[in-house]
PDB file of N, CA and C in Angstrom:
ATOM      1  N   MET A   1      -4.579  -2.238  -4.289  1.00  0.00           N
ATOM      2  CA  MET A   1      -2.928  -1.820  -4.179  1.00  0.00           C
ATOM      3  C   MET A   1      -2.903  -0.478  -2.896  1.00  0.00           C
ATOM      4  N   PRO A   2      -2.143  -0.480  -2.478  1.00  0.00           N
ATOM      5  CA  PRO A   2      -0.888   0.502  -1.457  1.00  0.00           C
ATOM      6  C   PRO A   2      -1.439   1.462  -1.916  1.00  0.00           C
ATOM      7  N   GLN A   3      -1.783   3.122  -0.938  1.00  0.00           N
ATOM      8  CA  GLN A   3      -1.524   4.120  -1.482  1.00  0.00           C
ATOM      9  C   GLN A   3      -0.679   4.447  -1.801  1.00  0.00           C
ATOM     10  N   PRO A   4      -0.402   4.929  -2.592  1.00  0.00           N
ATOM     11  CA  PRO A   4       1.257   6.195  -2.566  1.00  0.00           C
ATOM     12  C   PRO A   4       1.297   7.069  -1.780  1.00  0.00           C
ATOM     13  N   ASN A   5       2.647   7.746  -2.044  1.00  0.00           N
ATOM     14  CA  ASN A   5       3.464   8.710  -0.906  1.00  0.00           C
ATOM     15  C   ASN A   5       2.399  10.000  -1.745  1.00  0.00           C
ATOM     16  N   PRO A   6       2.556  11.529  -1.638  1.00  0.00           N
ATOM     17  CA  PRO A   6       2.282  12.617  -2.110  1.00  0.00           C
ATOM     18  C   PRO A   6       2.460  12.930  -3.147  1.00  0.00           C
ATOM     19  N   ALA A   7       4.191  12.800  -3.416  1.00  0.00           N
ATOM     20  CA  ALA A   7       4.534  12.950  -4.295  1.00  0.00           C
ATOM     21  C   ALA A   7       3.626  12.488  -5.742  1.00  0.00           C
ATOM     22  N   MET A   8       4.063  11.115  -5.263  1.00  0.00           N
ATOM     23  CA  MET A   8       4.080   9.615  -5.904  1.00  0.00           C
ATOM     24  C   MET A   8       2.793   9.813  -6.489  1.00  0.00           C
ATOM     25  N   ARG A   9       1.622  10.265  -5.904  1.00  0.00           N
ATOM     26  CA  ARG A   9       0.052  10.455  -6.260  1.00  0.00           C
ATOM     27  C   ARG A   9       0.148  11.727  -6.975  1.00  0.00           C
ATOM     28  N   LEU A  10       0.223  13.019  -6.984  1.00  0.00           N
ATOM     29  CA  LEU A  10       0.498  13.599  -8.005  1.00  0.00           C
ATOM     30  C   LEU A  10       1.282  13.113  -9.414  1.00  0.00           C
ATOM     31  N   LEU A  11       2.180  12.160  -9.588  1.00  0.00           N
ATOM     32  CA  LEU A  11       2.733  11.463 -10.832  1.00  0.00           C
ATOM     33  C   LEU A  11       1.779  10.978 -11.225  1.00  0.00           C
ATOM     34  N   LEU A  12       1.610  10.066 -10.115  1.00  0.00           N
ATOM     35  CA  LEU A  12       0.234   8.970 -10.822  1.00  0.00           C
ATOM     36  C   LEU A  12      -0.889   9.901 -11.567  1.00  0.00           C
ATOM     37  N   ALA A  13      -1.673  10.773 -10.717  1.00  0.00           N
ATOM     38  CA  ALA A  13      -3.011  11.178 -10.877  1.00  0.00           C
ATOM     39  C   ALA A  13      -2.338  12.120 -12.582  1.00  0.00           C
ATOM     40  N   VAL A  14      -1.530  12.800 -12.731  1.00  0.00           N
ATOM     41  CA  VAL A  14      -1.278  13.757 -13.919  1.00  0.00           C
ATOM     42  C   VAL A  14      -0.743  12.469 -14.684  1.00  0.00           C
ATOM     43  N   ALA A  15      -0.414  10.889 -14.742  1.00  0.00           N
ATOM     44  CA  ALA A  15      -0.834  10.105 -15.796  1.00  0.00           C
ATOM     45  C   ALA A  15      -1.562   9.237 -15.798  1.00  0.00           C
ATOM     46  N   ALA A  16      -2.596   9.399 -15.322  1.00  0.00           N
ATOM     47  CA  ALA A  16      -4.263   9.347 -14.946  1.00  0.00           C
ATOM     48  C   ALA A  16      -4.045   7.742 -14.616  1.00  0.00           C
ATOM     49  N   SER A  17      -3.083   7.720 -13.661  1.00  0.00           N
ATOM     50  CA  SER A  17      -3.025   6.114 -13.106  1.00  0.00           C
ATOM     51  C   SER A  17      -3.255   6.091 -11.896  1.00  0.00           C
ATOM     52  N   SER A  18      -3.850   7.063 -11.268  1.00  0.00           N
ATOM     53  CA  SER A  18      -3.914   7.189  -9.617  1.00  0.00           C
ATOM     54  C   SER A  18      -5.351   6.374  -9.282  1.00  0.00           C
ATOM     55  N   ASN A  19      -6.213   5.731 -10.222  1.00  0.00           N
ATOM     56  CA  ASN A  19      -6.622   4.900  -9.966  1.00  0.00           C
ATOM     57  C   ASN A  19      -6.433   3.148 -10.075  1.00  0.00           C
ATOM     58  N   ALA A  20      -6.170   2.356  -8.986  1.00  0.00           N
ATOM     59  CA  ALA A  20      -5.381   1.256  -9.355  1.00  0.00           C
ATOM     60  C   ALA A  20      -6.143   0.487  -8.675  1.00  0.00           C
ATOM     61  N   THR A  21      -6.603  -1.054  -9.260  1.00  0.00           N
ATOM     62  CA  THR A  21      -7.415  -1.553  -8.182  1.00  0.00           C
ATOM     63  C   THR A  21      -7.071  -3.046  -9.018  1.00  0.00           C
ATOM     64  N   VAL A  22      -6.781  -4.309  -8.051  1.00  0.00           N
ATOM     65  CA  VAL A  22      -6.468  -5.730  -8.122  1.00  0.00           C
ATOM     66  C   VAL A  22      -7.773  -6.113  -7.605  1.00  0.00           C
ATOM     67  N   GLU A  23      -8.323  -6.792  -8.585  1.00  0.00           N
ATOM     68  CA  GLU A  23      -9.919  -7.623  -7.937  1.00  0.00           C
ATOM     69  C   GLU A  23      -9.801  -8.896  -8.465  1.00  0.00           C
ATOM     70  N   LEU A  24      -9.840  -9.881  -7.866  1.00  0.00           N
ATOM     71  CA  LEU A  24     -10.036 -11.428  -7.978  1.00  0.00           C
ATOM     72  C   LEU A  24     -11.040 -12.253  -7.561  1.00  0.00           C
ATOM     73  N   THR A  25     -12.073 -12.482  -9.111  1.00  0.00           N
ATOM     74  CA  THR A  25     -13.300 -13.373  -8.799  1.00  0.00           C
ATOM     75  C   THR A  25     -12.840 -14.776  -8.541  1.00  0.00           C
ATOM     76  N   ALA A  26     -14.060 -15.590  -8.687  1.00  0.00           N
ATOM     77  CA  ALA A  26     -13.940 -16.774  -8.993  1.00  0.00           C
ATOM     78  C   ALA A  26     -13.075 -17.337 -10.562  1.00  0.00           C
ATOM     79  N   ASP A  27     -13.194 -16.748 -11.450  1.00  0.00           N
ATOM     80  CA  ASP A  27     -12.361 -17.184 -12.618  1.00  0.00           C
ATOM     81  C   ASP A  27     -11.528 -15.636 -12.951  1.00  0.00           C
ATOM     82  N   THR A  28     -11.170 -14.988 -12.396  1.00  0.00           N
ATOM     83  CA  THR A  28     -10.251 -14.064 -13.273  1.00  0.00           C
ATOM     84  C   THR A  28      -9.989 -12.802 -12.070  1.00  0.00           C
ATOM     85  N   LEU A  29      -8.920 -12.435 -12.699  1.00  0.00           N
ATOM     86  CA  LEU A  29      -7.706 -11.868 -12.247  1.00  0.00           C
ATOM     87  C   LEU A  29      -7.866 -10.856 -13.001  1.00  0.00           C
ATOM     88  N   ILE A  30      -8.041  -9.430 -12.128  1.00  0.00           N
ATOM     89  CA  ILE A  30      -8.098  -8.167 -12.797  1.00  0.00           C
ATOM     90  C   ILE A  30      -7.846  -6.968 -12.752  1.00  0.00           C
ATOM     91  N   VAL A  31      -6.672  -6.475 -13.123  1.00  0.00           N
ATOM     92  CA  VAL A  31      -5.504  -5.553 -12.537  1.00  0.00           C
ATOM     93  C   VAL A  31      -6.111  -4.444 -13.571  1.00  0.00           C
ATOM     94  N   ARG A  32      -6.198  -2.661 -13.032  1.00  0.00           N
ATOM     95  CA  ARG A  32      -6.317  -1.966 -13.609  1.00  0.00           C
ATOM     96  C   ARG A  32      -5.249  -0.732 -12.485  1.00  0.00           C
ATOM     97  N   LEU A  33      -4.795   0.141 -13.814  1.00  0.00           N
ATOM     98  CA  LEU A  33      -3.547   1.270 -13.131  1.00  0.00           C
ATOM     99  C   LEU A  33      -4.421   2.228 -13.981  1.00  0.00           C
ATOM    100  N   GLY A  34      -5.722   2.711 -13.812  1.00  0.00           N
ATOM    101  CA  GLY A  34      -5.703   4.250 -14.375  1.00  0.00           C
ATOM    102  C   GLY A  34      -6.598   3.860 -15.692  1.00  0.00           C
ATOM    103  N   LEU A  35      -6.288   4.464 -16.066  1.00  0.00           N
ATOM    104  CA  LEU A  35      -6.894   4.280 -17.798  1.00  0.00           C
ATOM    105  C   LEU A  35      -5.661   4.281 -18.555  1.00  0.00           C
ATOM    106  N   SER A  36      -4.059   3.655 -18.159  1.00  0.00           N
ATOM    107  CA  SER A  36      -3.045   3.582 -18.660  1.00  0.00           C
ATOM    108  C   SER A  36      -2.217   2.095 -18.914  1.00  0.00           C
ATOM    109  N   TRP A  37      -2.969   1.127 -18.421  1.00  0.00           N
ATOM    110  CA  TRP A  37      -2.858  -0.068 -18.369  1.00  0.00           C
ATOM    111  C   TRP A  37      -4.201  -1.473 -17.539  1.00  0.00           C
ATOM    112  N   ARG A  38      -4.380  -2.032 -18.033  1.00  0.00           N
ATOM    113  CA  ARG A  38      -4.991  -2.773 -17.387  1.00  0.00           C
ATOM    114  C   ARG A  38      -4.895  -4.808 -17.965  1.00  0.00           C
ATOM    115  N   ALA A  39      -5.267  -5.500 -17.861  1.00  0.00           N
ATOM    116  CA  ALA A  39      -5.427  -6.789 -17.974  1.00  0.00           C
ATOM    117  C   ALA A  39      -6.267  -7.736 -17.315  1.00  0.00           C
ATOM    118  N   GLU A  40      -7.027  -8.637 -18.331  1.00  0.00           N
ATOM    119  CA  GLU A  40      -8.187  -9.725 -17.102  1.00  0.00           C
ATOM    120  C   GLU A  40      -7.215 -10.618 -17.270  1.00  0.00           C
ATOM    121  N   ILE A  41      -6.661 -11.568 -16.274  1.00  0.00           N
ATOM    122  CA  ILE A  41      -6.149 -12.667 -16.061  1.00  0.00           C
ATOM    123  C   ILE A  41      -6.918 -14.032 -15.868  1.00  0.00           C
ATOM    124  N   ALA A  42      -6.977 -15.225 -16.656  1.00  0.00           N
ATOM    125  CA  ALA A  42      -7.895 -16.265 -16.042  1.00  0.00           C
ATOM    126  C   ALA A  42      -7.185 -16.785 -15.504  1.00  0.00           C
ATOM    127  N   ARG A  43      -7.957 -16.617 -13.963  1.00  0.00           N
ATOM    128  CA  ARG A  43      -7.549 -17.896 -12.743  1.00  0.00           C
ATOM    129  C   ARG A  43      -6.625 -19.132 -12.875  1.00  0.00           C
ATOM    130  N   SER A  44      -7.201 -19.600 -13.961  1.00  0.00           N
ATOM    131  CA  SER A  44      -6.179 -21.056 -14.095  1.00  0.00           C
ATOM    132  C   SER A  44      -5.616 -20.897 -15.016  1.00  0.00           C
ATOM    133  N   SER A  45      -5.201 -19.218 -15.175  1.00  0.00           N
ATOM    134  CA  SER A  45      -3.516 -19.464 -15.551  1.00  0.00           C
ATOM    135  C   SER A  45      -2.293 -18.535 -14.927  1.00  0.00           C
ATOM    136  N   ILE A  46      -2.776 -18.617 -13.816  1.00  0.00           N
ATOM    137  CA  ILE A  46      -1.738 -18.415 -13.085  1.00  0.00           C
ATOM    138  C   ILE A  46      -1.625 -19.482 -12.126  1.00  0.00           C
ATOM    139  N   THR A  47       0.051 -19.809 -12.805  1.00  0.00           N
ATOM    140  CA  THR A  47       0.200 -21.296 -12.061  1.00  0.00           C
ATOM    141  C   THR A  47       0.998 -20.966 -11.018  1.00  0.00           C
ATOM    142  N   SER A  48       1.749 -19.697 -10.323  1.00  0.00           N
ATOM    143  CA  SER A  48       2.289 -19.865  -9.279  1.00  0.00           C
ATOM    144  C   SER A  48       2.498 -18.756  -8.502  1.00  0.00           C
ATOM    145  N   ALA A  49       3.047 -18.312  -7.277  1.00  0.00           N
ATOM    146  CA  ALA A  49       2.016 -16.743  -6.571  1.00  0.00           C
ATOM    147  C   ALA A  49       3.290 -17.078  -5.247  1.00  0.00           C
ATOM    148  N   ALA A  50       4.170 -15.781  -4.874  1.00  0.00           N
ATOM    149  CA  ALA A  50       4.671 -16.042  -4.015  1.00  0.00           C
ATOM    150  C   ALA A  50       5.309 -14.446  -3.750  1.00  0.00           C
ATOM    151  N   HIS A  51       5.109 -14.078  -2.812  1.00  0.00           N
ATOM    152  CA  HIS A  51       5.674 -12.611  -2.189  1.00  0.00           C
ATOM    153  C   HIS A  51       7.218 -12.541  -2.953  1.00  0.00           C
ATOM    154  N   ASP A  52       7.099 -11.354  -3.356  1.00  0.00           N
ATOM    155  CA  ASP A  52       8.244 -11.132  -4.544  1.00  0.00           C
ATOM    156  C   ASP A  52       9.825 -10.411  -3.884  1.00  0.00           C
ATOM    157  N   PRO A  53      10.617 -10.997  -4.046  1.00  0.00           N
ATOM    158  CA  PRO A  53      11.918 -10.328  -3.695  1.00  0.00           C
ATOM    159  C   PRO A  53      12.549  -9.449  -4.647  1.00  0.00           C
ATOM    160  N   LEU A  54      11.746  -8.355  -5.354  1.00  0.00           N
ATOM    161  CA  LEU A  54      11.758  -8.317  -6.364  1.00  0.00           C
ATOM    162  C   LEU A  54      12.717  -6.751  -5.737  1.00  0.00           C
ATOM    163  N   LYS A  55      13.119  -5.845  -5.731  1.00  0.00           N
ATOM    164  CA  LYS A  55      13.379  -4.100  -5.086  1.00  0.00           C
ATOM    165  C   LYS A  55      13.396  -3.416  -6.112  1.00  0.00           C
ATOM    166  N   THR A  56      12.367  -2.159  -5.931  1.00  0.00           N
ATOM    167  CA  THR A  56      12.360  -0.842  -7.177  1.00  0.00           C
ATOM    168  C   THR A  56      11.963  -0.044  -6.269  1.00  0.00           C
ATOM    169  N   ILE A  57      12.439   1.021  -7.069  1.00  0.00           N
ATOM    170  CA  ILE A  57      12.139   2.292  -6.674  1.00  0.00           C
ATOM    171  C   ILE A  57      10.991   3.245  -7.151  1.00  0.00           C
ATOM    172  N   SER A  58      10.714   2.573  -8.528  1.00  0.00           N
ATOM    173  CA  SER A  58      10.024   2.664  -9.069  1.00  0.00           C
ATOM    174  C   SER A  58       8.129   2.576  -9.093  1.00  0.00           C
ATOM    175  N   ILE A  59       7.497   3.486  -9.525  1.00  0.00           N
ATOM    176  CA  ILE A  59       6.021   2.685  -9.383  1.00  0.00           C
ATOM    177  C   ILE A  59       5.447   3.337 -10.906  1.00  0.00           C
ATOM    178  N   GLY A  60       4.120   2.916 -10.668  1.00  0.00           N
ATOM    179  CA  GLY A  60       3.776   2.533 -12.236  1.00  0.00           C
ATOM    180  C   GLY A  60       3.595   1.351 -13.293  1.00  0.00           C
ATOM    181  N   ALA A  61       3.595   1.563 -14.040  1.00  0.00           N
ATOM    182  CA  ALA A  61       3.456  -0.179 -15.421  1.00  0.00           C
ATOM    183  C   ALA A  61       4.634   0.607 -15.971  1.00  0.00           C
ATOM    184  N   HIS A  62       5.827  -0.411 -15.974  1.00  0.00           N
ATOM    185  CA  HIS A  62       6.188  -0.754 -16.929  1.00  0.00           C
ATOM    186  C   HIS A  62       7.216  -2.687 -17.139  1.00  0.00           C
ATOM    187  N   GLY A  63       6.868  -2.579 -18.680  1.00  0.00           N
ATOM    188  CA  GLY A  63       6.800  -3.964 -18.749  1.00  0.00           C
ATOM    189  C   GLY A  63       8.441  -4.488 -19.966  1.00  0.00           C
ATOM    190  N   TRP A  64       8.928  -5.710 -20.218  1.00  0.00           N
ATOM    191  CA  TRP A  64       9.426  -5.972 -21.509  1.00  0.00           C
ATOM    192  C   TRP A  64       9.196  -7.801 -21.343  1.00  0.00           C
ATOM    193  N   ARG A  65       8.759  -7.121 -22.891  1.00  0.00           N
ATOM    194  CA  ARG A  65       8.188  -8.887 -23.414  1.00  0.00           C
ATOM    195  C   ARG A  65       8.166  -9.968 -22.217  1.00  0.00           C
ATOM    196  N   GLY A  66       6.528  -9.696 -22.073  1.00  0.00           N
ATOM    197  CA  GLY A  66       6.255 -10.482 -20.759  1.00  0.00           C
ATOM    198  C   GLY A  66       5.580 -10.349 -19.550  1.00  0.00           C
ATOM    199  N   GLU A  67       7.095  -9.976 -19.524  1.00  0.00           N
ATOM    200  CA  GLU A  67       6.998  -9.112 -17.396  1.00  0.00           C
ATOM    201  C   GLU A  67       6.537  -8.086 -17.201  1.00  0.00           C
ATOM    202  N   TRP A  68       5.999  -8.012 -16.502  1.00  0.00           N
ATOM    203  CA  TRP A  68       5.488  -6.622 -16.090  1.00  0.00           C
ATOM    204  C   TRP A  68       5.389  -6.391 -15.065  1.00  0.00           C
ATOM    205  N   LEU A  69       5.824  -5.262 -14.178  1.00  0.00           N
ATOM    206  CA  LEU A  69       5.739  -4.704 -12.994  1.00  0.00           C
ATOM    207  C   LEU A  69       4.671  -4.076 -12.746  1.00  0.00           C
ATOM    208  N   VAL A  70       3.291  -3.386 -12.383  1.00  0.00           N
ATOM    209  CA  VAL A  70       2.266  -2.647 -12.058  1.00  0.00           C
ATOM    210  C   VAL A  70       2.646  -2.153 -10.262  1.00  0.00           C
ATOM    211  N   ASN A  71       2.946  -0.855 -10.312  1.00  0.00           N
ATOM    212  CA  ASN A  71       2.136  -1.085  -8.471  1.00  0.00           C
ATOM    213  C   ASN A  71       2.647   0.412  -8.829  1.00  0.00           C
ATOM    214  N   THR A  72       1.929   0.647  -7.077  1.00  0.00           N
ATOM    215  CA  THR A  72       1.963   1.818  -6.928  1.00  0.00           C
ATOM    216  C   THR A  72       2.449   2.263  -5.453  1.00  0.00           C
ATOM    217  N   SER A  73       3.036   0.987  -5.173  1.00  0.00           N
ATOM    218  CA  SER A  73       4.244   1.504  -3.862  1.00  0.00           C
ATOM    219  C   SER A  73       5.092   0.441  -4.231  1.00  0.00           C
ATOM    220  N   THR A  74       6.470   0.449  -3.414  1.00  0.00           N
ATOM    221  CA  THR A  74       7.303  -0.494  -3.589  1.00  0.00           C
ATOM    222  C   THR A  74       7.547  -1.480  -2.654  1.00  0.00           C
ATOM    223  N   LYS A  75       6.115  -1.675  -1.811  1.00  0.00           N
ATOM    224  CA  LYS A  75       6.344  -2.678  -0.655  1.00  0.00           C
ATOM    225  C   LYS A  75       4.802  -3.191  -0.677  1.00  0.00           C
ATOM    226  N   GLY A  76       4.946  -4.819   0.115  1.00  0.00           N
ATOM    227  CA  GLY A  76       3.829  -5.259  -1.038  1.00  0.00           C
ATOM    228  C   GLY A  76       3.766  -5.920  -2.167  1.00  0.00           C
ATOM    229  N   LEU A  77       5.289  -6.690  -2.713  1.00  0.00           N
ATOM    230  CA  LEU A  77       4.725  -6.795  -3.914  1.00  0.00           C
ATOM    231  C   LEU A  77       4.890  -8.647  -3.868  1.00  0.00           C
ATOM    232  N   VAL A  78       4.100  -8.688  -5.216  1.00  0.00           N
ATOM    233  CA  VAL A  78       3.851 -10.402  -5.272  1.00  0.00           C
ATOM    234  C   VAL A  78       3.982 -10.597  -6.581  1.00  0.00           C
ATOM    235  N   VAL A  79       4.626 -11.651  -7.383  1.00  0.00           N
ATOM    236  CA  VAL A  79       4.783 -12.143  -8.940  1.00  0.00           C
ATOM    237  C   VAL A  79       4.080 -13.492  -8.977  1.00  0.00           C
ATOM    238  N   LEU A  80       3.048 -13.390 -10.301  1.00  0.00           N
ATOM    239  CA  LEU A  80       2.685 -14.363 -10.444  1.00  0.00           C
ATOM    240  C   LEU A  80       3.516 -14.586 -11.438  1.00  0.00           C
ATOM    241  N   THR A  81       3.287 -15.933 -11.742  1.00  0.00           N
ATOM    242  CA  THR A  81       3.683 -16.775 -13.394  1.00  0.00           C
ATOM    243  C   THR A  81       2.436 -17.425 -13.976  1.00  0.00           C
ATOM    244  N   ILE A  82       2.454 -16.873 -15.592  1.00  0.00           N
ATOM    245  CA  ILE A  82       0.679 -16.914 -16.054  1.00  0.00           C
ATOM    246  C   ILE A  82       0.947 -17.748 -17.449  1.00  0.00           C
ATOM    247  N   ASP A  83       0.578 -19.171 -17.330  1.00  0.00           N
ATOM    248  CA  ASP A  83       0.487 -20.012 -18.148  1.00  0.00           C
ATOM    249  C   ASP A  83      -0.704 -20.632 -18.656  1.00  0.00           C
ATOM    250  N   PRO A  84      -0.886 -20.909 -19.940  1.00  0.00           N
ATOM    251  CA  PRO A  84      -1.002 -20.265 -20.953  1.00  0.00           C
ATOM    252  C   PRO A  84      -0.597 -18.110 -21.007  1.00  0.00           C
ATOM    253  N   GLU A  85      -0.273 -17.251 -21.220  1.00  0.00           N
ATOM    254  CA  GLU A  85       0.331 -16.601 -21.054  1.00  0.00           C
ATOM    255  C   GLU A  85      -1.281 -15.269 -20.933  1.00  0.00           C
ATOM    256  N   GLY A  86      -1.332 -14.787 -20.444  1.00  0.00           N
ATOM    257  CA  GLY A  86      -2.462 -13.498 -20.387  1.00  0.00           C
ATOM    258  C   GLY A  86      -1.752 -12.334 -21.431  1.00  0.00           C
ATOM    259  N   ARG A  87      -3.338 -11.442 -21.396  1.00  0.00           N
ATOM    260  CA  ARG A  87      -3.865 -10.664 -22.674  1.00  0.00           C
ATOM    261  C   ARG A  87      -4.012  -9.090 -21.803  1.00  0.00           C
ATOM    262  N   GLY A  88      -3.318  -8.097 -22.030  1.00  0.00           N
ATOM    263  CA  GLY A  88      -4.016  -6.949 -21.783  1.00  0.00           C
ATOM    264  C   GLY A  88      -3.946  -5.854 -22.593  1.00  0.00           C
ATOM    265  N   ARG A  89      -3.211  -4.617 -21.864  1.00  0.00           N
ATOM    266  CA  ARG A  89      -3.253  -3.371 -22.443  1.00  0.00           C
ATOM    267  C   ARG A  89      -2.641  -2.492 -22.098  1.00  0.00           C
ATOM    268  N   CYS A  90      -1.356  -1.794 -22.343  1.00  0.00           N
ATOM    269  CA  CYS A  90      -0.894  -0.124 -21.906  1.00  0.00           C
ATOM    270  C   CYS A  90      -0.603   0.628 -22.832  1.00  0.00           C
ATOM    271  N   LEU A  91      -1.675   1.993 -22.377  1.00  0.00           N
ATOM    272  CA  LEU A  91      -1.685   2.414 -23.330  1.00  0.00           C
ATOM    273  C   LEU A  91      -2.128   3.064 -24.610  1.00  0.00           C
ATOM    274  N   GLY A  92      -3.208   0.973 -23.967  1.00  0.00           N
ATOM    275  CA  GLY A  92      -4.285   0.681 -25.422  1.00  0.00           C
ATOM    276  C   GLY A  92      -3.727  -0.181 -26.278  1.00  0.00           C
ATOM    277  N   TYR A  93      -2.173  -0.775 -25.920  1.00  0.00           N
ATOM    278  CA  TYR A  93      -1.193  -0.836 -26.566  1.00  0.00           C
ATOM    279  C   TYR A  93      -1.506  -2.549 -26.253  1.00  0.00           C
ATOM    280  N   PRO A  94      -1.921  -3.240 -27.011  1.00  0.00           N
ATOM    281  CA  PRO A  94      -2.426  -5.385 -26.197  1.00  0.00           C
ATOM    282  C   PRO A  94      -0.070  -5.654 -25.922  1.00  0.00           C
ATOM    283  N   ILE A  95      -0.725  -6.191 -24.741  1.00  0.00           N
ATOM    284  CA  ILE A  95       0.744  -6.513 -24.623  1.00  0.00           C
ATOM    285  C   ILE A  95       0.853  -7.871 -24.390  1.00  0.00           C
ATOM    286  N   ARG A  96       1.001  -8.485 -23.588  1.00  0.00           N
ATOM    287  CA  ARG A  96       1.788 -10.021 -23.652  1.00  0.00           C
ATOM    288  C   ARG A  96       1.944 -10.182 -21.919  1.00  0.00           C
ATOM    289  N   LEU A  97       1.550 -11.130 -20.836  1.00  0.00           N
ATOM    290  CA  LEU A  97       1.914 -11.539 -19.683  1.00  0.00           C
ATOM    291  C   LEU A  97       2.140 -12.843 -19.364  1.00  0.00           C
ATOM    292  N   ARG A  98       3.484 -13.051 -19.080  1.00  0.00           N
ATOM    293  CA  ARG A  98       3.797 -14.262 -18.835  1.00  0.00           C
ATOM    294  C   ARG A  98       4.135 -14.149 -17.501  1.00  0.00           C
ATOM    295  N   LYS A  99       4.929 -13.482 -16.936  1.00  0.00           N
ATOM    296  CA  LYS A  99       5.184 -12.588 -15.184  1.00  0.00           C
ATOM    297  C   LYS A  99       4.864 -11.456 -14.733  1.00  0.00           C
ATOM    298  N   LEU A 100       4.132 -11.313 -13.670  1.00  0.00           N
ATOM    299  CA  LEU A 100       3.217  -9.999 -13.544  1.00  0.00           C
ATOM    300  C   LEU A 100       3.261  -9.382 -11.389  1.00  0.00           C
ATOM    301  N   HIS A 101       3.829  -9.024 -11.868  1.00  0.00           N
ATOM    302  CA  HIS A 101       4.588  -8.249 -10.163  1.00  0.00           C
ATOM    303  C   HIS A 101       3.608  -7.389  -9.580  1.00  0.00           C
ATOM    304  N   LEU A 102       3.251  -7.631  -8.411  1.00  0.00           N
ATOM    305  CA  LEU A 102       1.666  -6.413  -8.524  1.00  0.00           C
ATOM    306  C   LEU A 102       1.775  -5.676  -6.747  1.00  0.00           C
ATOM    307  N   SER A 103       2.261  -4.613  -6.667  1.00  0.00           N
ATOM    308  CA  SER A 103       2.231  -4.153  -4.874  1.00  0.00           C
ATOM    309  C   SER A 103       0.644  -4.436  -4.684  1.00  0.00           C
ATOM    310  N   LEU A 104       0.594  -5.189  -3.576  1.00  0.00           N
ATOM    311  CA  LEU A 104      -0.830  -5.001  -3.086  1.00  0.00           C
ATOM    312  C   LEU A 104      -1.153  -4.661  -1.290  1.00  0.00           C
ATOM    313  N   ALA A 105      -1.917  -3.743  -0.997  1.00  0.00           N
ATOM    314  CA  ALA A 105      -2.141  -3.687   0.330  1.00  0.00           C
ATOM    315  C   ALA A 105      -1.635  -4.991   1.099  1.00  0.00           C
ATOM    316  N   ASP A 106      -2.579  -5.918   0.811  1.00  0.00           N
ATOM    317  CA  ASP A 106      -2.476  -6.655   1.741  1.00  0.00           C
ATOM    318  C   ASP A 106      -2.019  -8.456   0.894  1.00  0.00           C
ATOM    319  N   PRO A 107      -0.618  -8.342   0.857  1.00  0.00           N
ATOM    320  CA  PRO A 107      -0.599  -9.467  -0.576  1.00  0.00           C
ATOM    321  C   PRO A 107      -0.774 -10.540   0.320  1.00  0.00           C
ATOM    322  N   ASP A 108      -0.848 -10.742   1.711  1.00  0.00           N
ATOM    323  CA  ASP A 108      -0.902 -12.204   2.100  1.00  0.00           C
ATOM    324  C   ASP A 108      -2.116 -12.840   2.947  1.00  0.00           C
ATOM    325  N   ALA A 109      -2.820 -12.219   2.285  1.00  0.00           N
ATOM    326  CA  ALA A 109      -4.513 -12.007   1.832  1.00  0.00           C
ATOM    327  C   ALA A 109      -5.021 -12.093   0.496  1.00  0.00           C
ATOM    328  N   PHE A 110      -3.948 -11.744  -0.564  1.00  0.00           N
ATOM    329  CA  PHE A 110      -4.355 -12.023  -1.361  1.00  0.00           C
ATOM    330  C   PHE A 110      -3.630 -13.488  -2.212  1.00  0.00           C
ATOM    331  N   LEU A 111      -2.508 -14.260  -1.821  1.00  0.00           N
ATOM    332  CA  LEU A 111      -1.958 -14.881  -1.891  1.00  0.00           C
ATOM    333  C   LEU A 111      -2.910 -15.772  -1.327  1.00  0.00           C
ATOM    334  N   THR A 112      -3.552 -15.739  -0.246  1.00  0.00           N
ATOM    335  CA  THR A 112      -4.080 -16.787   0.530  1.00  0.00           C
ATOM    336  C   THR A 112      -5.256 -17.384  -0.097  1.00  0.00           C
ATOM    337  N   GLU A 113      -6.589 -16.339  -0.746  1.00  0.00           N
ATOM    338  CA  GLU A 113      -7.008 -16.016  -1.223  1.00  0.00           C
ATOM    339  C   GLU A 113      -7.494 -17.122  -2.826  1.00  0.00           C
ATOM    340  N   LEU A 114      -5.712 -16.824  -4.146  1.00  0.00           N
ATOM    341  CA  LEU A 114      -5.737 -17.289  -4.592  1.00  0.00           C
ATOM    342  C   LEU A 114      -5.911 -18.987  -4.277  1.00  0.00           C
ATOM    343  N   GLY A 115      -4.912 -19.451  -2.931  1.00  0.00           N
ATOM    344  CA  GLY A 115      -5.145 -20.028  -2.761  1.00  0.00           C
ATOM    345  C   GLY A 115      -3.804 -21.322  -4.228  1.00  0.00           C
ATOM    346  N   LEU A 116      -2.640 -20.653  -3.729  1.00  0.00           N
ATOM    347  CA  LEU A 116      -1.618 -21.527  -4.701  1.00  0.00           C
ATOM    348  C   LEU A 116      -0.663 -21.131  -3.533  1.00  0.00           C
ATOM    349  N   THR A 117       0.278 -22.556  -3.817  1.00  0.00           N
ATOM    350  CA  THR A 117       1.276 -22.863  -2.761  1.00  0.00           C
ATOM    351  C   THR A 117       1.863 -21.513  -2.635  1.00  0.00           C
ATOM    352  N   THR A 118       2.587 -21.144  -2.039  1.00  0.00           N
ATOM    353  CA  THR A 118       3.546 -19.499  -2.773  1.00  0.00           C
ATOM    354  C   THR A 118       5.325 -19.957  -1.937  1.00  0.00           C
ATOM    355  N   THR A 119       5.686 -19.686  -2.257  1.00  0.00           N
ATOM    356  CA  THR A 119       7.683 -19.945  -2.319  1.00  0.00           C
ATOM    357  C   THR A 119       7.982 -18.323  -2.168  1.00  0.00           C
ATOM    358  N   GLY A 120       9.136 -18.552  -1.771  1.00  0.00           N
ATOM    359  CA  GLY A 120      10.129 -17.087  -2.383  1.00  0.00           C
ATOM    360  C   GLY A 120      10.094 -15.988  -0.810  1.00  0.00           C
TER     361      GLY A 120
END
């Protein structure tokens, strides 16, 4: 994930979310936002991936009814559609994932490595 600006870095550190990682293995996408948010999604469950047209001014982890935004930047966003839905945890509580918006340092490389046809 891209590095946030200094003010946002302080806010994320206070929220125990300063260590953000996205790891794509042969079988799994692993996303962590510090101690506050984590998910492991079967790569086979990611049915579409694209550059995200979402415009946001917020950072952190925000979600509702299976759609989540996990970001440390308002730039470099991608959106993933997940079916069957994935599972994760936010502040220790179980969550569902049907759509995931992520900020990435290099979204083009991620989308290429994921190997899905992208649109948008």
